[in-house]
């Protein structure tokens, strides 16, 4: 369980870093309010949810194909 959580946290942090550097690298020095720093977290969470759903769909499809292959 801990290994899975570490993997998910690493994926989320990777998405967070990539999006925060790619979205607005020039804005880091122009931060007027601490709430502006939440912007990359919101986008990262959204992308993480999309990635998690896609990973879940792929795993379900693979499980279905494995069952069908094992039955035949």
PDB file of N, CA and C in Angstrom:
ATOM      1  N   UNK A   1       0.820  -1.191   0.000  1.00  0.00           N
ATOM      2  CA  UNK A   1       0.000   0.000   0.000  1.00  0.00           C
ATOM      3  C   UNK A   1       0.868   1.262   0.000  1.00  0.00           C
ATOM      4  N   UNK A   2       1.892   1.289   0.813  1.00  0.00           N
ATOM      5  CA  UNK A   2       2.783   2.443   0.877  1.00  0.00           C
ATOM      6  C   UNK A   2       3.495   2.625  -0.461  1.00  0.00           C
ATOM      7  N   UNK A   3       3.880   1.519  -1.084  1.00  0.00           N
ATOM      8  CA  UNK A   3       4.571   1.591  -2.376  1.00  0.00           C
ATOM      9  C   UNK A   3       3.655   2.204  -3.433  1.00  0.00           C
ATOM     10  N   UNK A   4       2.386   1.837  -3.423  1.00  0.00           N
ATOM     11  CA  UNK A   4       1.425   2.392  -4.375  1.00  0.00           C
ATOM     12  C   UNK A   4       1.207   3.883  -4.127  1.00  0.00           C
ATOM     13  N   UNK A   5       1.123   4.272  -2.871  1.00  0.00           N
ATOM     14  CA  UNK A   5       0.949   5.689  -2.552  1.00  0.00           C
ATOM     15  C   UNK A   5       2.160   6.509  -2.976  1.00  0.00           C
ATOM     16  N   UNK A   6       3.356   5.966  -2.772  1.00  0.00           N
ATOM     17  CA  UNK A   6       4.566   6.665  -3.204  1.00  0.00           C
ATOM     18  C   UNK A   6       4.585   6.827  -4.717  1.00  0.00           C
ATOM     19  N   UNK A   7       4.153   5.800  -5.436  1.00  0.00           N
ATOM     20  CA  UNK A   7       4.109   5.869  -6.897  1.00  0.00           C
ATOM     21  C   UNK A   7       3.124   6.945  -7.349  1.00  0.00           C
ATOM     22  N   UNK A   8       1.931   6.976  -6.761  1.00  0.00           N
ATOM     23  CA  UNK A   8       0.934   7.976  -7.126  1.00  0.00           C
ATOM     24  C   UNK A   8       1.406   9.380  -6.774  1.00  0.00           C
ATOM     25  N   UNK A   9       2.052   9.530  -5.635  1.00  0.00           N
ATOM     26  CA  UNK A   9       2.573  10.836  -5.237  1.00  0.00           C
ATOM     27  C   UNK A   9       3.662  11.297  -6.196  1.00  0.00           C
ATOM     28  N   UNK A  10       4.510  10.380  -6.625  1.00  0.00           N
ATOM     29  CA  UNK A  10       5.558  10.718  -7.577  1.00  0.00           C
ATOM     30  C   UNK A  10       4.959  11.140  -8.920  1.00  0.00           C
ATOM     31  N   UNK A  11       3.930  10.465  -9.370  1.00  0.00           N
ATOM     32  CA  UNK A  11       3.254  10.850 -10.624  1.00  0.00           C
ATOM     33  C   UNK A  11       2.642  12.241 -10.482  1.00  0.00           C
ATOM     34  N   UNK A  12       1.986  12.496  -9.361  1.00  0.00           N
ATOM     35  CA  UNK A  12       1.356  13.801  -9.152  1.00  0.00           C
ATOM     36  C   UNK A  12       2.395  14.911  -9.091  1.00  0.00           C
ATOM     37  N   UNK A  13       3.468  14.692  -8.377  1.00  0.00           N
ATOM     38  CA  UNK A  13       4.507  15.714  -8.269  1.00  0.00           C
ATOM     39  C   UNK A  13       5.160  15.956  -9.627  1.00  0.00           C
ATOM     40  N   UNK A  14       5.343  14.907 -10.408  1.00  0.00           N
ATOM     41  CA  UNK A  14       5.891  15.072 -11.749  1.00  0.00           C
ATOM     42  C   UNK A  14       4.987  15.925 -12.625  1.00  0.00           C
ATOM     43  N   UNK A  15       3.696  15.661 -12.569  1.00  0.00           N
ATOM     44  CA  UNK A  15       2.731  16.466 -13.328  1.00  0.00           C
ATOM     45  C   UNK A  15       2.749  17.907 -12.831  1.00  0.00           C
ATOM     46  N   UNK A  16       2.793  18.089 -11.523  1.00  0.00           N
ATOM     47  CA  UNK A  16       2.804  19.423 -10.933  1.00  0.00           C
ATOM     48  C   UNK A  16       4.017  20.221 -11.392  1.00  0.00           C
ATOM     49  N   UNK A  17       5.177  19.621 -11.319  1.00  0.00           N
ATOM     50  CA  UNK A  17       6.402  20.315 -11.717  1.00  0.00           C
ATOM     51  C   UNK A  17       6.378  20.648 -13.203  1.00  0.00           C
ATOM     52  N   UNK A  18       5.984  19.681 -14.021  1.00  0.00           N
ATOM     53  CA  UNK A  18       5.955  19.911 -15.464  1.00  0.00           C
ATOM     54  C   UNK A  18       4.985  21.038 -15.818  1.00  0.00           C
ATOM     55  N   UNK A  19       3.785  20.995 -15.276  1.00  0.00           N
ATOM     56  CA  UNK A  19       2.814  22.029 -15.606  1.00  0.00           C
ATOM     57  C   UNK A  19       3.200  23.386 -15.041  1.00  0.00           C
ATOM     58  N   UNK A  20       3.734  23.420 -13.845  1.00  0.00           N
ATOM     59  CA  UNK A  20       4.086  24.715 -13.269  1.00  0.00           C
ATOM     60  C   UNK A  20       5.249  25.359 -14.019  1.00  0.00           C
ATOM     61  N   UNK A  21       6.159  24.564 -14.539  1.00  0.00           N
ATOM     62  CA  UNK A  21       7.269  25.136 -15.308  1.00  0.00           C
ATOM     63  C   UNK A  21       6.852  25.491 -16.727  1.00  0.00           C
ATOM     64  N   UNK A  22       5.961  24.719 -17.307  1.00  0.00           N
ATOM     65  CA  UNK A  22       5.555  24.962 -18.684  1.00  0.00           C
ATOM     66  C   UNK A  22       4.472  26.029 -18.820  1.00  0.00           C
ATOM     67  N   UNK A  23       3.638  26.171 -17.800  1.00  0.00           N
ATOM     68  CA  UNK A  23       2.515  27.099 -17.934  1.00  0.00           C
ATOM     69  C   UNK A  23       2.951  28.558 -17.836  1.00  0.00           C
ATOM     70  N   UNK A  24       3.641  28.908 -16.777  1.00  0.00           N
ATOM     71  CA  UNK A  24       3.985  30.310 -16.551  1.00  0.00           C
ATOM     72  C   UNK A  24       5.355  30.438 -15.879  1.00  0.00           C
ATOM     73  N   UNK A  25       6.431  30.131 -16.557  1.00  0.00           N
ATOM     74  CA  UNK A  25       7.734  30.241 -15.896  1.00  0.00           C
ATOM     75  C   UNK A  25       8.105  31.677 -15.545  1.00  0.00           C
ATOM     76  N   UNK A  26       7.601  32.650 -16.295  1.00  0.00           N
ATOM     77  CA  UNK A  26       7.946  34.048 -16.034  1.00  0.00           C
ATOM     78  C   UNK A  26       7.159  34.631 -14.877  1.00  0.00           C
ATOM     79  N   UNK A  27       6.070  34.007 -14.503  1.00  0.00           N
ATOM     80  CA  UNK A  27       5.205  34.558 -13.470  1.00  0.00           C
ATOM     81  C   UNK A  27       5.692  34.302 -12.051  1.00  0.00           C
ATOM     82  N   UNK A  28       6.643  33.416 -11.877  1.00  0.00           N
ATOM     83  CA  UNK A  28       7.097  33.095 -10.517  1.00  0.00           C
ATOM     84  C   UNK A  28       7.635  34.342  -9.831  1.00  0.00           C
ATOM     85  N   UNK A  29       8.325  35.200 -10.570  1.00  0.00           N
ATOM     86  CA  UNK A  29       8.862  36.427  -9.978  1.00  0.00           C
ATOM     87  C   UNK A  29       7.795  37.523  -9.859  1.00  0.00           C
ATOM     88  N   UNK A  30       6.642  37.355 -10.485  1.00  0.00           N
ATOM     89  CA  UNK A  30       5.605  38.375 -10.476  1.00  0.00           C
ATOM     90  C   UNK A  30       4.456  38.036  -9.527  1.00  0.00           C
ATOM     91  N   UNK A  31       4.653  37.135  -8.602  1.00  0.00           N
ATOM     92  CA  UNK A  31       3.578  36.716  -7.701  1.00  0.00           C
ATOM     93  C   UNK A  31       3.214  37.867  -6.771  1.00  0.00           C
ATOM     94  N   UNK A  32       1.942  38.269  -6.827  1.00  0.00           N
ATOM     95  CA  UNK A  32       1.460  39.355  -5.978  1.00  0.00           C
ATOM     96  C   UNK A  32       0.747  38.824  -4.741  1.00  0.00           C
ATOM     97  N   UNK A  33       0.117  37.666  -4.882  1.00  0.00           N
ATOM     98  CA  UNK A  33      -0.655  37.091  -3.790  1.00  0.00           C
ATOM     99  C   UNK A  33      -0.279  35.621  -3.650  1.00  0.00           C
ATOM    100  N   UNK A  34      -0.226  35.107  -2.424  1.00  0.00           N
ATOM    101  CA  UNK A  34       0.091  33.677  -2.252  1.00  0.00           C
ATOM    102  C   UNK A  34      -0.943  32.761  -2.884  1.00  0.00           C
ATOM    103  N   UNK A  35      -2.163  33.258  -3.107  1.00  0.00           N
ATOM    104  CA  UNK A  35      -3.207  32.430  -3.705  1.00  0.00           C
ATOM    105  C   UNK A  35      -2.958  32.158  -5.184  1.00  0.00           C
ATOM    106  N   UNK A  36      -2.111  32.965  -5.816  1.00  0.00           N
ATOM    107  CA  UNK A  36      -1.776  32.736  -7.217  1.00  0.00           C
ATOM    108  C   UNK A  36      -0.944  31.464  -7.374  1.00  0.00           C
ATOM    109  N   UNK A  37      -0.297  31.032  -6.310  1.00  0.00           N
ATOM    110  CA  UNK A  37       0.520  29.822  -6.380  1.00  0.00           C
ATOM    111  C   UNK A  37      -0.337  28.561  -6.399  1.00  0.00           C
ATOM    112  N   UNK A  38      -1.614  28.662  -6.094  1.00  0.00           N
ATOM    113  CA  UNK A  38      -2.514  27.505  -6.094  1.00  0.00           C
ATOM    114  C   UNK A  38      -2.873  27.108  -7.531  1.00  0.00           C
ATOM    115  N   UNK A  39      -2.763  28.034  -8.468  1.00  0.00           N
ATOM    116  CA  UNK A  39      -3.118  27.805  -9.868  1.00  0.00           C
ATOM    117  C   UNK A  39      -2.490  26.524 -10.437  1.00  0.00           C
ATOM    118  N   UNK A  40      -1.173  26.293 -10.309  1.00  0.00           N
ATOM    119  CA  UNK A  40      -0.609  25.050 -10.838  1.00  0.00           C
ATOM    120  C   UNK A  40      -1.122  23.807 -10.116  1.00  0.00           C
ATOM    121  N   UNK A  41      -1.445  23.946  -8.834  1.00  0.00           N
ATOM    122  CA  UNK A  41      -1.975  22.804  -8.101  1.00  0.00           C
ATOM    123  C   UNK A  41      -3.340  22.390  -8.654  1.00  0.00           C
ATOM    124  N   UNK A  42      -4.171  23.365  -8.983  1.00  0.00           N
ATOM    125  CA  UNK A  42      -5.487  23.057  -9.526  1.00  0.00           C
ATOM    126  C   UNK A  42      -5.365  22.369 -10.887  1.00  0.00           C
ATOM    127  N   UNK A  43      -4.533  22.895 -11.760  1.00  0.00           N
ATOM    128  CA  UNK A  43      -4.327  22.269 -13.068  1.00  0.00           C
ATOM    129  C   UNK A  43      -3.712  20.888 -12.922  1.00  0.00           C
ATOM    130  N   UNK A  44      -2.746  20.759 -12.023  1.00  0.00           N
ATOM    131  CA  UNK A  44      -2.099  19.460 -11.823  1.00  0.00           C
ATOM    132  C   UNK A  44      -3.088  18.432 -11.316  1.00  0.00           C
ATOM    133  N   UNK A  45      -3.964  18.841 -10.420  1.00  0.00           N
ATOM    134  CA  UNK A  45      -4.964  17.910  -9.915  1.00  0.00           C
ATOM    135  C   UNK A  45      -5.895  17.469 -11.037  1.00  0.00           C
ATOM    136  N   UNK A  46      -6.303  18.417 -11.876  1.00  0.00           N
ATOM    137  CA  UNK A  46      -7.167  18.071 -13.001  1.00  0.00           C
ATOM    138  C   UNK A  46      -6.504  17.100 -13.967  1.00  0.00           C
ATOM    139  N   UNK A  47      -5.257  17.367 -14.300  1.00  0.00           N
ATOM    140  CA  UNK A  47      -4.517  16.472 -15.202  1.00  0.00           C
ATOM    141  C   UNK A  47      -4.303  15.119 -14.539  1.00  0.00           C
ATOM    142  N   UNK A  48      -4.016  15.122 -13.233  1.00  0.00           N
ATOM    143  CA  UNK A  48      -3.820  13.872 -12.511  1.00  0.00           C
ATOM    144  C   UNK A  48      -5.086  13.025 -12.538  1.00  0.00           C
ATOM    145  N   UNK A  49      -6.234  13.660 -12.374  1.00  0.00           N
ATOM    146  CA  UNK A  49      -7.501  12.926 -12.412  1.00  0.00           C
ATOM    147  C   UNK A  49      -7.708  12.313 -13.793  1.00  0.00           C
ATOM    148  N   UNK A  50      -7.411  13.073 -14.841  1.00  0.00           N
ATOM    149  CA  UNK A  50      -7.549  12.546 -16.205  1.00  0.00           C
ATOM    150  C   UNK A  50      -6.605  11.360 -16.413  1.00  0.00           C
ATOM    151  N   UNK A  51      -5.351  11.507 -15.976  1.00  0.00           N
ATOM    152  CA  UNK A  51      -4.382  10.415 -16.108  1.00  0.00           C
ATOM    153  C   UNK A  51      -4.821   9.203 -15.300  1.00  0.00           C
ATOM    154  N   UNK A  52      -5.325   9.422 -14.095  1.00  0.00           N
ATOM    155  CA  UNK A  52      -5.779   8.308 -13.258  1.00  0.00           C
ATOM    156  C   UNK A  52      -6.953   7.571 -13.898  1.00  0.00           C
ATOM    157  N   UNK A  53      -7.889   8.312 -14.479  1.00  0.00           N
ATOM    158  CA  UNK A  53      -9.033   7.679 -15.140  1.00  0.00           C
ATOM    159  C   UNK A  53      -8.562   6.875 -16.350  1.00  0.00           C
ATOM    160  N   UNK A  54      -7.659   7.442 -17.141  1.00  0.00           N
ATOM    161  CA  UNK A  54      -7.131   6.715 -18.296  1.00  0.00           C
ATOM    162  C   UNK A  54      -6.388   5.452 -17.877  1.00  0.00           C
ATOM    163  N   UNK A  55      -5.603   5.540 -16.808  1.00  0.00           N
ATOM    164  CA  UNK A  55      -4.891   4.360 -16.308  1.00  0.00           C
ATOM    165  C   UNK A  55      -5.881   3.297 -15.852  1.00  0.00           C
ATOM    166  N   UNK A  56      -6.963   3.725 -15.194  1.00  0.00           N
ATOM    167  CA  UNK A  56      -7.973   2.781 -14.722  1.00  0.00           C
ATOM    168  C   UNK A  56      -8.663   2.096 -15.899  1.00  0.00           C
ATOM    169  N   UNK A  57      -9.004   2.862 -16.926  1.00  0.00           N
ATOM    170  CA  UNK A  57      -9.659   2.292 -18.105  1.00  0.00           C
ATOM    171  C   UNK A  57      -8.749   1.277 -18.782  1.00  0.00           C
ATOM    172  N   UNK A  58      -7.483   1.615 -18.934  1.00  0.00           N
ATOM    173  CA  UNK A  58      -6.534   0.690 -19.557  1.00  0.00           C
ATOM    174  C   UNK A  58      -6.409  -0.584 -18.730  1.00  0.00           C
ATOM    175  N   UNK A  59      -6.343  -0.467 -17.409  1.00  0.00           N
ATOM    176  CA  UNK A  59      -6.215  -1.666 -16.574  1.00  0.00           C
ATOM    177  C   UNK A  59      -7.455  -2.541 -16.657  1.00  0.00           C
ATOM    178  N   UNK A  60      -8.632  -1.936 -16.728  1.00  0.00           N
ATOM    179  CA  UNK A  60      -9.868  -2.720 -16.852  1.00  0.00           C
ATOM    180  C   UNK A  60      -9.903  -3.445 -18.192  1.00  0.00           C
ATOM    181  N   UNK A  61      -9.539  -2.758 -19.257  1.00  0.00           N
ATOM    182  CA  UNK A  61      -9.528  -3.379 -20.585  1.00  0.00           C
ATOM    183  C   UNK A  61      -8.525  -4.531 -20.625  1.00  0.00           C
ATOM    184  N   UNK A  62      -7.358  -4.330 -20.045  1.00  0.00           N
ATOM    185  CA  UNK A  62      -6.358  -5.400 -20.020  1.00  0.00           C
ATOM    186  C   UNK A  62      -6.830  -6.603 -19.223  1.00  0.00           C
ATOM    187  N   UNK A  63      -7.521  -6.361 -18.109  1.00  0.00           N
ATOM    188  CA  UNK A  63      -8.052  -7.464 -17.306  1.00  0.00           C
ATOM    189  C   UNK A  63      -9.103  -8.244 -18.091  1.00  0.00           C
ATOM    190  N   UNK A  64      -9.947  -7.544 -18.827  1.00  0.00           N
ATOM    191  CA  UNK A  64     -10.976  -8.213 -19.630  1.00  0.00           C
ATOM    192  C   UNK A  64     -10.322  -9.090 -20.691  1.00  0.00           C
ATOM    193  N   UNK A  65      -9.306  -8.574 -21.373  1.00  0.00           N
ATOM    194  CA  UNK A  65      -8.625  -9.354 -22.395  1.00  0.00           C
ATOM    195  C   UNK A  65      -7.897 -10.559 -21.804  1.00  0.00           C
ATOM    196  N   UNK A  66      -7.322 -10.391 -20.611  1.00  0.00           N
ATOM    197  CA  UNK A  66      -6.649 -11.526 -19.953  1.00  0.00           C
ATOM    198  C   UNK A  66      -7.646 -12.612 -19.584  1.00  0.00           C
ATOM    199  N   UNK A  67      -8.845 -12.215 -19.113  1.00  0.00           N
ATOM    200  CA  UNK A  67      -9.870 -13.207 -18.761  1.00  0.00           C
ATOM    201  C   UNK A  67     -10.339 -13.953 -19.993  1.00  0.00           C
ATOM    202  N   UNK A  68     -10.570 -13.239 -21.064  1.00  0.00           N
ATOM    203  CA  UNK A  68     -11.037 -13.876 -22.293  1.00  0.00           C
ATOM    204  C   UNK A  68      -9.974 -14.815 -22.852  1.00  0.00           C
ATOM    205  N   UNK A  69      -8.719 -14.432 -22.730  1.00  0.00           N
ATOM    206  CA  UNK A  69      -7.630 -15.276 -23.214  1.00  0.00           C
ATOM    207  C   UNK A  69      -7.492 -16.527 -22.350  1.00  0.00           C
ATOM    208  N   UNK A  70      -7.684 -16.371 -21.029  1.00  0.00           N
ATOM    209  CA  UNK A  70      -7.574 -17.502 -20.122  1.00  0.00           C
ATOM    210  C   UNK A  70      -8.755 -18.463 -20.297  1.00  0.00           C
ATOM    211  N   UNK A  71      -9.914 -17.953 -20.632  1.00  0.00           N
ATOM    212  CA  UNK A  71     -11.088 -18.815 -20.822  1.00  0.00           C
ATOM    213  C   UNK A  71     -11.007 -19.626 -22.107  1.00  0.00           C
ATOM    214  N   UNK A  72     -10.325 -19.109 -23.124  1.00  0.00           N
ATOM    215  CA  UNK A  72     -10.279 -19.850 -24.383  1.00  0.00           C
ATOM    216  C   UNK A  72      -9.124 -20.786 -24.472  1.00  0.00           C
TER     217      UNK A  72
END
